[in-house]
Amino acid sequence: MSERDQSKQLYRVLFHQQGEVYEVYAHAIYQSDLYGFVEVEDYSFGNRSGVLIDPTEDRLRSEFDGVQRSFIPMHAIVRIDEVEKEGTAKITDSKGDKVTPFPMPMPKDPS
């Protein structure tokens, strides 16, 4: 690990959740003791002092309110980036994306 203070590290985590792609920011991520999971702790949702409130970020803030640690399956993770500045946490529809979640349900026979 570098000499930087660990509390200053910030990660952007993108993962699939029920047909949507969640983009959240956290200060601590690591491989879980539960095989096949990544642990995400210390979520960061920016400040609420702004006049404009993004409804998607507010939805994420309320969804993860009181959550100390999340266990996300490794196959649901799209990517993890270490970033310098926090962006806006958001939820986007995964339809039309070129990334397909694994496992994918089998298509129904059109007949």
C-alpha atoms as a PDB file:
ATOM      1  CA  MET A   1       0.000   0.000   0.000  1.00  0.00           C
ATOM      2  CA  SER A   2       1.275   3.478  -0.723  1.00  0.00           C
ATOM      3  CA  GLU A   3       2.248   5.970   1.937  1.00  0.00           C
ATOM      4  CA  ARG A   4      -0.937   7.955   1.448  1.00  0.00           C
ATOM      5  CA  ASP A   5      -3.376   8.011   4.322  1.00  0.00           C
ATOM      6  CA  GLN A   6      -5.900   5.213   3.784  1.00  0.00           C
ATOM      7  CA  SER A   7      -8.802   7.454   4.846  1.00  0.00           C
ATOM      8  CA  LYS A   8      -8.086   9.699   1.839  1.00  0.00           C
ATOM      9  CA  GLN A   9      -8.430   6.855  -0.649  1.00  0.00           C
ATOM     10  CA  LEU A  10     -11.686   6.953  -2.565  1.00  0.00           C
ATOM     11  CA  TYR A  11     -13.045   4.272  -4.852  1.00  0.00           C
ATOM     12  CA  ARG A  12     -15.757   4.326  -7.498  1.00  0.00           C
ATOM     13  CA  VAL A  13     -17.550   0.967  -7.622  1.00  0.00           C
ATOM     14  CA  LEU A  14     -19.851   0.009 -10.492  1.00  0.00           C
ATOM     15  CA  PHE A  15     -21.974  -3.110 -10.074  1.00  0.00           C
ATOM     16  CA  HIS A  16     -25.119  -4.729 -11.459  1.00  0.00           C
ATOM     17  CA  GLN A  17     -28.220  -4.864  -9.267  1.00  0.00           C
ATOM     18  CA  GLN A  18     -31.584  -6.091 -10.650  1.00  0.00           C
ATOM     19  CA  GLY A  19     -31.129  -4.840 -14.204  1.00  0.00           C
ATOM     20  CA  GLU A  20     -29.514  -1.554 -13.210  1.00  0.00           C
ATOM     21  CA  VAL A  21     -25.914  -0.407 -12.859  1.00  0.00           C
ATOM     22  CA  TYR A  22     -25.132   1.229  -9.522  1.00  0.00           C
ATOM     23  CA  GLU A  23     -22.247   3.696  -9.286  1.00  0.00           C
ATOM     24  CA  VAL A  24     -21.259   4.379  -5.684  1.00  0.00           C
ATOM     25  CA  TYR A  25     -18.255   5.882  -3.935  1.00  0.00           C
ATOM     26  CA  ALA A  26     -16.609   4.328  -0.890  1.00  0.00           C
ATOM     27  CA  HIS A  27     -13.466   4.719   1.174  1.00  0.00           C
ATOM     28  CA  ALA A  28     -12.832   1.005   1.823  1.00  0.00           C
ATOM     29  CA  ILE A  29     -13.166  -2.038  -0.434  1.00  0.00           C
ATOM     30  CA  TYR A  30     -11.569  -5.433  -0.102  1.00  0.00           C
ATOM     31  CA  GLN A  31     -11.996  -9.120  -0.811  1.00  0.00           C
ATOM     32  CA  SER A  32     -14.385 -10.669   1.653  1.00  0.00           C
ATOM     33  CA  ASP A  33     -13.835 -13.702   3.845  1.00  0.00           C
ATOM     34  CA  LEU A  34     -17.064 -14.934   2.240  1.00  0.00           C
ATOM     35  CA  TYR A  35     -15.794 -16.618  -0.902  1.00  0.00           C
ATOM     36  CA  GLY A  36     -16.829 -14.821  -4.109  1.00  0.00           C
ATOM     37  CA  PHE A  37     -17.778 -11.484  -2.532  1.00  0.00           C
ATOM     38  CA  VAL A  38     -16.260  -8.001  -2.374  1.00  0.00           C
ATOM     39  CA  GLU A  39     -16.872  -5.928   0.765  1.00  0.00           C
ATOM     40  CA  VAL A  40     -17.651  -2.240   0.389  1.00  0.00           C
ATOM     41  CA  GLU A  41     -17.543   0.005   3.469  1.00  0.00           C
ATOM     42  CA  ASP A  42     -17.731   3.669   4.371  1.00  0.00           C
ATOM     43  CA  TYR A  43     -19.960   4.938   1.561  1.00  0.00           C
ATOM     44  CA  SER A  44     -19.552   8.551   0.512  1.00  0.00           C
ATOM     45  CA  PHE A  45     -22.463  10.522  -0.940  1.00  0.00           C
ATOM     46  CA  GLY A  46     -21.098  14.064  -0.938  1.00  0.00           C
ATOM     47  CA  ASN A  47     -22.635  16.940   0.929  1.00  0.00           C
ATOM     48  CA  ARG A  48     -26.316  17.754   1.181  1.00  0.00           C
ATOM     49  CA  SER A  49     -25.743  21.470   1.548  1.00  0.00           C
ATOM     50  CA  GLY A  50     -26.302  22.123  -2.155  1.00  0.00           C
ATOM     51  CA  VAL A  51     -29.518  23.673  -3.387  1.00  0.00           C
ATOM     52  CA  LEU A  52     -30.003  21.059  -6.113  1.00  0.00           C
ATOM     53  CA  ILE A  53     -30.616  17.481  -5.001  1.00  0.00           C
ATOM     54  CA  ASP A  54     -30.162  14.713  -7.544  1.00  0.00           C
ATOM     55  CA  PRO A  55     -33.076  12.258  -7.079  1.00  0.00           C
ATOM     56  CA  THR A  56     -30.921   9.268  -8.082  1.00  0.00           C
ATOM     57  CA  GLU A  57     -28.231  10.142  -5.561  1.00  0.00           C
ATOM     58  CA  ASP A  58     -30.902  10.761  -2.944  1.00  0.00           C
ATOM     59  CA  ARG A  59     -32.385   7.314  -3.692  1.00  0.00           C
ATOM     60  CA  LEU A  60     -28.951   5.718  -3.250  1.00  0.00           C
ATOM     61  CA  ARG A  61     -28.341   7.694  -0.059  1.00  0.00           C
ATOM     62  CA  SER A  62     -31.610   6.441   1.443  1.00  0.00           C
ATOM     63  CA  GLU A  63     -31.038   2.866   0.191  1.00  0.00           C
ATOM     64  CA  PHE A  64     -27.605   2.681   1.831  1.00  0.00           C
ATOM     65  CA  ASP A  65     -28.559   4.708   4.917  1.00  0.00           C
ATOM     66  CA  GLY A  66     -27.469   2.784   7.991  1.00  0.00           C
ATOM     67  CA  VAL A  67     -25.511   0.198   5.961  1.00  0.00           C
ATOM     68  CA  GLN A  68     -22.139  -0.438   7.565  1.00  0.00           C
ATOM     69  CA  ARG A  69     -20.857  -2.942   5.005  1.00  0.00           C
ATOM     70  CA  SER A  70     -22.129  -4.411   1.737  1.00  0.00           C
ATOM     71  CA  PHE A  71     -21.177  -7.813   0.354  1.00  0.00           C
ATOM     72  CA  ILE A  72     -21.354  -7.631  -3.451  1.00  0.00           C
ATOM     73  CA  PRO A  73     -20.904 -10.799  -5.528  1.00  0.00           C
ATOM     74  CA  MET A  74     -17.724 -10.636  -7.629  1.00  0.00           C
ATOM     75  CA  HIS A  75     -19.605 -11.489 -10.823  1.00  0.00           C
ATOM     76  CA  ALA A  76     -21.838  -8.407 -10.308  1.00  0.00           C
ATOM     77  CA  ILE A  77     -18.862  -6.012 -10.209  1.00  0.00           C
ATOM     78  CA  VAL A  78     -18.335  -4.136 -13.469  1.00  0.00           C
ATOM     79  CA  ARG A  79     -15.274  -2.170 -12.356  1.00  0.00           C
ATOM     80  CA  ILE A  80     -13.548  -0.550  -9.403  1.00  0.00           C
ATOM     81  CA  ASP A  81     -11.529   2.645  -9.826  1.00  0.00           C
ATOM     82  CA  GLU A  82      -9.444   4.562  -7.309  1.00  0.00           C
ATOM     83  CA  VAL A  83     -10.341   8.212  -7.882  1.00  0.00           C
ATOM     84  CA  GLU A  84      -9.129  11.546  -6.554  1.00  0.00           C
ATOM     85  CA  LYS A  85     -12.471  13.355  -6.398  1.00  0.00           C
ATOM     86  CA  GLU A  86     -15.943  12.102  -5.644  1.00  0.00           C
ATOM     87  CA  GLY A  87     -18.444  12.241  -8.466  1.00  0.00           C
ATOM     88  CA  THR A  88     -22.192  11.844  -8.342  1.00  0.00           C
ATOM     89  CA  ALA A  89     -23.485   8.478  -7.206  1.00  0.00           C
ATOM     90  CA  LYS A  90     -26.097   7.261  -9.659  1.00  0.00           C
ATOM     91  CA  ILE A  91     -28.202   4.388 -10.929  1.00  0.00           C
ATOM     92  CA  THR A  92     -28.446   3.801 -14.664  1.00  0.00           C
ATOM     93  CA  ASP A  93     -30.506   1.343 -16.636  1.00  0.00           C
ATOM     94  CA  SER A  94     -28.329  -1.427 -18.040  1.00  0.00           C
ATOM     95  CA  LYS A  95     -30.440  -1.811 -21.180  1.00  0.00           C
ATOM     96  CA  GLY A  96     -28.473  -0.813 -24.244  1.00  0.00           C
ATOM     97  CA  ASP A  97     -25.146  -1.168 -22.492  1.00  0.00           C
ATOM     98  CA  LYS A  98     -22.504  -3.328 -24.071  1.00  0.00           C
ATOM     99  CA  VAL A  99     -21.838  -5.005 -20.725  1.00  0.00           C
ATOM    100  CA  THR A 100     -23.973  -8.064 -20.058  1.00  0.00           C
ATOM    101  CA  PRO A 101     -24.429  -9.198 -16.465  1.00  0.00           C
ATOM    102  CA  PHE A 102     -23.462 -12.775 -15.677  1.00  0.00           C
ATOM    103  CA  PRO A 103     -25.390 -15.056 -15.365  1.00  0.00           C
ATOM    104  CA  MET A 104     -27.995 -13.992 -17.874  1.00  0.00           C
ATOM    105  CA  PRO A 105     -31.448 -15.581 -18.047  1.00  0.00           C
ATOM    106  CA  MET A 106     -32.062 -17.784 -21.058  1.00  0.00           C
ATOM    107  CA  PRO A 107     -34.200 -16.125 -23.762  1.00  0.00           C
ATOM    108  CA  LYS A 108     -37.660 -17.568 -24.249  1.00  0.00           C
ATOM    109  CA  ASP A 109     -38.489 -19.417 -27.437  1.00  0.00           C
ATOM    110  CA  PRO A 110     -40.555 -17.054 -29.660  1.00  0.00           C
ATOM    111  CA  SER A 111     -42.852 -19.866 -30.864  1.00  0.00           C
END
